[in-house]
Amino acid sequence: MRKLIFLAVIAVCLSIAYAQSNNDHIEGGYQQVEYNQETHGEAYQAALHYLSSKEIETSINPKLVAVYQKIVSGAMYKFHIMFNDQGWIVEVWSQPWLNNLQVVSFKRIPKN
């Protein structure tokens, strides 16, 4: 009987460890998502406005290359934006229930 309980405890521990290792990339990091105007539009406009306020050369038609998001105590969005031949990554933190929208970082993507 003790052996059976011991084996059951080991099986439960292994299944928990396996589930956590498979979910680490989902819960902890950014996930690439499709751009959705309703979900991402306000944060994307904040990113564009921030780059403009820093007097970064921008074109009339920026190209949104990719959108990544992760959920923290709100939503963190990472926008990969191209202006002509120069790329930028802008991170925006959003808490719509508190009317909080804040650019937390931006960096230039080095050219290859």
N, C-alpha and C. Protein backbone atom coordinates (compact mmCIF):
# COMPACT_ATOMS: atom_id res chain seq x y z
N MET A 1 0.81 -1.19 0.00
CA MET A 1 0.00 0.00 0.00
C MET A 1 0.86 1.26 0.00
N ARG A 2 1.94 1.26 0.82
CA ARG A 2 2.82 2.42 0.87
C ARG A 2 3.50 2.66 -0.48
N LYS A 3 3.87 1.57 -1.13
CA LYS A 3 4.51 1.70 -2.44
C LYS A 3 3.55 2.34 -3.44
N LEU A 4 2.30 1.95 -3.37
CA LEU A 4 1.29 2.50 -4.27
C LEU A 4 1.09 4.00 -4.02
N ILE A 5 1.03 4.40 -2.77
CA ILE A 5 0.89 5.82 -2.43
C ILE A 5 2.13 6.58 -2.88
N PHE A 6 3.30 6.00 -2.63
CA PHE A 6 4.55 6.64 -3.05
C PHE A 6 4.58 6.84 -4.56
N LEU A 7 4.18 5.84 -5.32
CA LEU A 7 4.15 5.96 -6.78
C LEU A 7 3.12 7.00 -7.23
N ALA A 8 2.00 7.07 -6.54
CA ALA A 8 0.98 8.07 -6.89
C ALA A 8 1.49 9.48 -6.63
N VAL A 9 2.19 9.68 -5.52
CA VAL A 9 2.76 11.00 -5.21
C VAL A 9 3.79 11.39 -6.26
N ILE A 10 4.63 10.47 -6.66
CA ILE A 10 5.64 10.75 -7.70
C ILE A 10 4.95 11.10 -9.01
N ALA A 11 3.91 10.36 -9.36
CA ALA A 11 3.19 10.64 -10.61
C ALA A 11 2.57 12.04 -10.59
N VAL A 12 1.99 12.43 -9.47
CA VAL A 12 1.40 13.76 -9.36
C VAL A 12 2.48 14.83 -9.47
N CYS A 13 3.59 14.65 -8.78
CA CYS A 13 4.69 15.63 -8.85
C CYS A 13 5.22 15.76 -10.27
N LEU A 14 5.40 14.66 -10.95
CA LEU A 14 5.89 14.70 -12.33
C LEU A 14 4.90 15.39 -13.26
N SER A 15 3.61 15.13 -13.07
CA SER A 15 2.63 15.77 -13.94
C SER A 15 2.56 17.27 -13.69
N ILE A 16 2.71 17.71 -12.44
CA ILE A 16 2.73 19.15 -12.14
C ILE A 16 3.97 19.79 -12.74
N ALA A 17 5.12 19.15 -12.59
CA ALA A 17 6.35 19.70 -13.16
C ALA A 17 6.27 19.78 -14.68
N TYR A 18 5.70 18.78 -15.31
CA TYR A 18 5.55 18.78 -16.77
C TYR A 18 4.61 19.89 -17.22
N ALA A 19 3.50 20.07 -16.51
CA ALA A 19 2.54 21.12 -16.87
C ALA A 19 3.17 22.50 -16.71
N GLN A 20 3.95 22.71 -15.66
CA GLN A 20 4.59 24.01 -15.46
C GLN A 20 5.63 24.28 -16.53
N SER A 21 6.41 23.28 -16.90
CA SER A 21 7.44 23.50 -17.92
C SER A 21 6.81 23.78 -19.28
N ASN A 22 5.66 23.22 -19.58
CA ASN A 22 5.00 23.48 -20.86
C ASN A 22 4.28 24.82 -20.88
N ASN A 23 3.94 25.37 -19.72
CA ASN A 23 3.22 26.64 -19.67
C ASN A 23 4.13 27.84 -19.42
N ASP A 24 5.43 27.63 -19.16
CA ASP A 24 6.32 28.74 -18.86
C ASP A 24 6.35 29.75 -19.98
N HIS A 25 6.40 29.29 -21.22
CA HIS A 25 6.49 30.22 -22.34
C HIS A 25 5.18 30.98 -22.54
N ILE A 26 4.09 30.45 -22.08
CA ILE A 26 2.80 31.12 -22.24
C ILE A 26 2.59 32.17 -21.15
N GLU A 27 2.85 31.83 -19.91
CA GLU A 27 2.56 32.73 -18.81
C GLU A 27 3.62 33.80 -18.62
N GLY A 28 4.88 33.48 -18.85
CA GLY A 28 5.94 34.40 -18.49
C GLY A 28 6.40 35.34 -19.57
N GLY A 29 6.25 34.98 -20.82
CA GLY A 29 6.83 35.80 -21.87
C GLY A 29 5.81 36.36 -22.83
N TYR A 30 6.34 37.11 -23.77
CA TYR A 30 5.50 37.70 -24.80
C TYR A 30 5.04 36.63 -25.79
N GLN A 31 3.84 36.79 -26.29
CA GLN A 31 3.29 35.93 -27.34
C GLN A 31 2.99 36.81 -28.54
N GLN A 32 3.37 36.36 -29.72
CA GLN A 32 3.02 37.12 -30.91
C GLN A 32 1.53 36.96 -31.17
N VAL A 33 0.87 38.08 -31.48
CA VAL A 33 -0.57 38.08 -31.73
C VAL A 33 -0.85 38.87 -33.00
N GLU A 34 -2.03 38.66 -33.54
CA GLU A 34 -2.49 39.44 -34.69
C GLU A 34 -2.95 40.81 -34.18
N TYR A 35 -2.62 41.85 -34.94
CA TYR A 35 -3.05 43.19 -34.56
C TYR A 35 -4.56 43.28 -34.68
N ASN A 36 -5.17 43.84 -33.64
CA ASN A 36 -6.61 44.06 -33.61
C ASN A 36 -6.84 45.51 -33.20
N GLN A 37 -7.48 46.28 -34.06
CA GLN A 37 -7.68 47.71 -33.80
C GLN A 37 -8.36 47.95 -32.46
N GLU A 38 -9.36 47.16 -32.14
CA GLU A 38 -10.10 47.37 -30.89
C GLU A 38 -9.23 47.09 -29.67
N THR A 39 -8.42 46.05 -29.74
CA THR A 39 -7.59 45.65 -28.60
C THR A 39 -6.30 46.46 -28.52
N HIS A 40 -5.63 46.65 -29.65
CA HIS A 40 -4.29 47.23 -29.66
C HIS A 40 -4.22 48.67 -30.16
N GLY A 41 -5.29 49.18 -30.74
CA GLY A 41 -5.26 50.47 -31.42
C GLY A 41 -4.78 51.63 -30.56
N GLU A 42 -5.33 51.76 -29.37
CA GLU A 42 -4.96 52.88 -28.50
C GLU A 42 -3.50 52.79 -28.07
N ALA A 43 -3.04 51.59 -27.74
CA ALA A 43 -1.64 51.41 -27.34
C ALA A 43 -0.70 51.65 -28.52
N TYR A 44 -1.10 51.22 -29.71
CA TYR A 44 -0.28 51.44 -30.90
C TYR A 44 -0.16 52.93 -31.20
N GLN A 45 -1.26 53.66 -31.09
CA GLN A 45 -1.22 55.11 -31.30
C GLN A 45 -0.33 55.79 -30.26
N ALA A 46 -0.35 55.29 -29.03
CA ALA A 46 0.53 55.84 -27.98
C ALA A 46 1.99 55.60 -28.35
N ALA A 47 2.29 54.43 -28.91
CA ALA A 47 3.66 54.12 -29.33
C ALA A 47 4.10 55.07 -30.45
N LEU A 48 3.24 55.28 -31.43
CA LEU A 48 3.57 56.18 -32.54
C LEU A 48 3.75 57.61 -32.04
N HIS A 49 2.86 58.05 -31.16
CA HIS A 49 2.96 59.41 -30.61
C HIS A 49 4.25 59.58 -29.82
N TYR A 50 4.63 58.56 -29.06
CA TYR A 50 5.86 58.63 -28.27
C TYR A 50 7.07 58.78 -29.17
N LEU A 51 7.15 57.97 -30.23
CA LEU A 51 8.28 58.08 -31.16
C LEU A 51 8.30 59.46 -31.80
N SER A 52 7.14 59.98 -32.14
CA SER A 52 7.06 61.31 -32.73
C SER A 52 7.52 62.38 -31.74
N SER A 53 7.17 62.23 -30.47
CA SER A 53 7.57 63.21 -29.46
C SER A 53 9.07 63.21 -29.21
N LYS A 54 9.73 62.10 -29.51
CA LYS A 54 11.18 62.00 -29.37
C LYS A 54 11.90 62.50 -30.62
N GLU A 55 11.12 63.06 -31.54
CA GLU A 55 11.64 63.61 -32.80
C GLU A 55 12.45 62.58 -33.58
N ILE A 56 11.93 61.37 -33.59
CA ILE A 56 12.54 60.30 -34.37
C ILE A 56 12.00 60.43 -35.79
N GLU A 57 12.89 60.27 -36.76
CA GLU A 57 12.45 60.33 -38.15
C GLU A 57 11.34 59.31 -38.37
N THR A 58 10.22 59.78 -38.81
CA THR A 58 9.11 58.87 -39.09
C THR A 58 8.57 59.16 -40.47
N SER A 59 8.04 58.16 -41.09
CA SER A 59 7.40 58.34 -42.39
C SER A 59 5.91 58.55 -42.15
N ILE A 60 5.23 58.97 -43.18
CA ILE A 60 3.79 59.16 -43.07
C ILE A 60 3.09 57.83 -42.87
N ASN A 61 3.65 56.77 -43.43
CA ASN A 61 3.02 55.45 -43.36
C ASN A 61 3.92 54.46 -42.63
N PRO A 62 3.89 54.44 -41.30
CA PRO A 62 4.67 53.44 -40.59
C PRO A 62 4.11 52.05 -40.87
N LYS A 63 4.98 51.07 -40.84
CA LYS A 63 4.56 49.68 -41.07
C LYS A 63 4.68 48.92 -39.75
N LEU A 64 3.57 48.37 -39.30
CA LEU A 64 3.57 47.55 -38.10
C LEU A 64 3.97 46.14 -38.50
N VAL A 65 5.16 45.74 -38.08
CA VAL A 65 5.71 44.45 -38.49
C VAL A 65 5.19 43.31 -37.61
N ALA A 66 5.10 43.55 -36.30
CA ALA A 66 4.67 42.49 -35.38
C ALA A 66 4.13 43.11 -34.10
N VAL A 67 3.23 42.37 -33.46
CA VAL A 67 2.69 42.76 -32.16
C VAL A 67 2.87 41.57 -31.22
N TYR A 68 3.42 41.85 -30.05
CA TYR A 68 3.56 40.84 -29.01
C TYR A 68 2.85 41.36 -27.78
N GLN A 69 2.33 40.45 -26.98
CA GLN A 69 1.68 40.88 -25.75
C GLN A 69 1.91 39.85 -24.66
N LYS A 70 1.86 40.34 -23.43
CA LYS A 70 1.84 39.46 -22.26
C LYS A 70 0.97 40.12 -21.21
N ILE A 71 0.41 39.30 -20.37
CA ILE A 71 -0.48 39.79 -19.34
C ILE A 71 0.29 39.85 -18.03
N VAL A 72 0.32 41.01 -17.43
CA VAL A 72 0.93 41.21 -16.11
C VAL A 72 -0.18 41.81 -15.24
N SER A 73 0.04 42.91 -14.58
CA SER A 73 -1.05 43.56 -13.84
C SER A 73 -1.79 44.50 -14.78
N GLY A 74 -1.87 44.10 -15.98
CA GLY A 74 -2.47 44.81 -17.11
C GLY A 74 -1.97 44.07 -18.34
N ALA A 75 -1.87 44.77 -19.43
CA ALA A 75 -1.34 44.15 -20.65
C ALA A 75 -0.09 44.90 -21.08
N MET A 76 0.96 44.16 -21.40
CA MET A 76 2.18 44.73 -21.96
C MET A 76 2.17 44.41 -23.45
N TYR A 77 2.30 45.44 -24.25
CA TYR A 77 2.35 45.26 -25.70
C TYR A 77 3.73 45.66 -26.18
N LYS A 78 4.24 44.88 -27.11
CA LYS A 78 5.52 45.20 -27.74
C LYS A 78 5.25 45.32 -29.24
N PHE A 79 5.41 46.54 -29.76
CA PHE A 79 5.16 46.81 -31.17
C PHE A 79 6.49 46.92 -31.92
N HIS A 80 6.61 46.17 -33.01
CA HIS A 80 7.76 46.28 -33.91
C HIS A 80 7.30 47.13 -35.08
N ILE A 81 7.86 48.33 -35.19
CA ILE A 81 7.40 49.31 -36.17
C ILE A 81 8.55 49.68 -37.09
N MET A 82 8.25 49.75 -38.38
CA MET A 82 9.24 50.18 -39.38
C MET A 82 8.86 51.55 -39.91
N PHE A 83 9.83 52.45 -39.98
CA PHE A 83 9.70 53.74 -40.64
C PHE A 83 10.74 53.75 -41.75
N ASN A 84 10.27 53.68 -42.99
CA ASN A 84 11.17 53.54 -44.14
C ASN A 84 12.06 52.33 -43.91
N ASP A 85 13.35 52.52 -43.68
CA ASP A 85 14.25 51.37 -43.51
C ASP A 85 14.72 51.21 -42.06
N GLN A 86 14.14 51.95 -41.13
CA GLN A 86 14.57 51.88 -39.73
C GLN A 86 13.47 51.29 -38.86
N GLY A 87 13.85 50.31 -38.02
CA GLY A 87 12.89 49.65 -37.15
C GLY A 87 13.02 50.07 -35.70
N TRP A 88 11.89 50.02 -35.00
CA TRP A 88 11.83 50.36 -33.59
C TRP A 88 10.97 49.33 -32.86
N ILE A 89 11.33 49.08 -31.60
CA ILE A 89 10.51 48.26 -30.71
C ILE A 89 10.04 49.17 -29.59
N VAL A 90 8.74 49.26 -29.43
CA VAL A 90 8.16 50.13 -28.39
C VAL A 90 7.28 49.26 -27.49
N GLU A 91 7.53 49.33 -26.18
CA GLU A 91 6.72 48.60 -25.21
C GLU A 91 5.74 49.56 -24.54
N VAL A 92 4.48 49.14 -24.50
CA VAL A 92 3.42 49.96 -23.91
C VAL A 92 2.69 49.13 -22.87
N TRP A 93 2.49 49.72 -21.70
CA TRP A 93 1.76 49.06 -20.61
C TRP A 93 0.37 49.66 -20.55
N SER A 94 -0.63 48.81 -20.52
CA SER A 94 -2.02 49.26 -20.56
C SER A 94 -2.81 48.66 -19.40
N GLN A 95 -3.54 49.53 -18.71
CA GLN A 95 -4.52 49.12 -17.71
C GLN A 95 -5.78 49.93 -17.99
N PRO A 96 -6.62 49.46 -18.91
CA PRO A 96 -7.77 50.25 -19.32
C PRO A 96 -8.76 50.55 -18.20
N TRP A 97 -8.89 49.67 -17.24
CA TRP A 97 -9.84 49.89 -16.15
C TRP A 97 -9.39 51.03 -15.24
N LEU A 98 -8.09 51.43 -15.33
CA LEU A 98 -7.58 52.57 -14.57
C LEU A 98 -7.26 53.76 -15.48
N ASN A 99 -7.62 53.64 -16.75
CA ASN A 99 -7.27 54.65 -17.74
C ASN A 99 -5.77 54.92 -17.76
N ASN A 100 -4.99 53.86 -17.63
CA ASN A 100 -3.53 53.97 -17.61
C ASN A 100 -2.96 53.41 -18.90
N LEU A 101 -2.21 54.23 -19.61
CA LEU A 101 -1.54 53.83 -20.83
C LEU A 101 -0.17 54.50 -20.81
N GLN A 102 0.90 53.69 -20.78
CA GLN A 102 2.23 54.25 -20.58
C GLN A 102 3.26 53.54 -21.45
N VAL A 103 4.06 54.32 -22.17
CA VAL A 103 5.18 53.75 -22.90
C VAL A 103 6.29 53.52 -21.88
N VAL A 104 6.77 52.28 -21.79
CA VAL A 104 7.77 51.96 -20.78
C VAL A 104 9.17 51.81 -21.35
N SER A 105 9.28 51.55 -22.65
CA SER A 105 10.61 51.48 -23.25
C SER A 105 10.50 51.58 -24.76
N PHE A 106 11.61 51.98 -25.36
CA PHE A 106 11.70 51.96 -26.82
C PHE A 106 13.16 51.78 -27.18
N LYS A 107 13.40 51.08 -28.27
CA LYS A 107 14.77 50.91 -28.73
C LYS A 107 14.79 50.74 -30.24
N ARG A 108 15.88 51.15 -30.80
CA ARG A 108 16.09 51.04 -32.23
C ARG A 108 16.54 49.62 -32.56
N ILE A 109 16.01 49.07 -33.61
CA ILE A 109 16.43 47.75 -34.07
C ILE A 109 17.65 47.95 -34.95
N PRO A 110 18.79 47.35 -34.59
CA PRO A 110 19.99 47.54 -35.40
C PRO A 110 19.81 46.96 -36.80
N LYS A 111 20.37 47.67 -37.77
CA LYS A 111 20.32 47.18 -39.15
C LYS A 111 21.33 46.06 -39.31
N ASN A 112 20.99 45.10 -40.14
CA ASN A 112 21.90 43.96 -40.36
C ASN A 112 23.04 44.35 -41.23
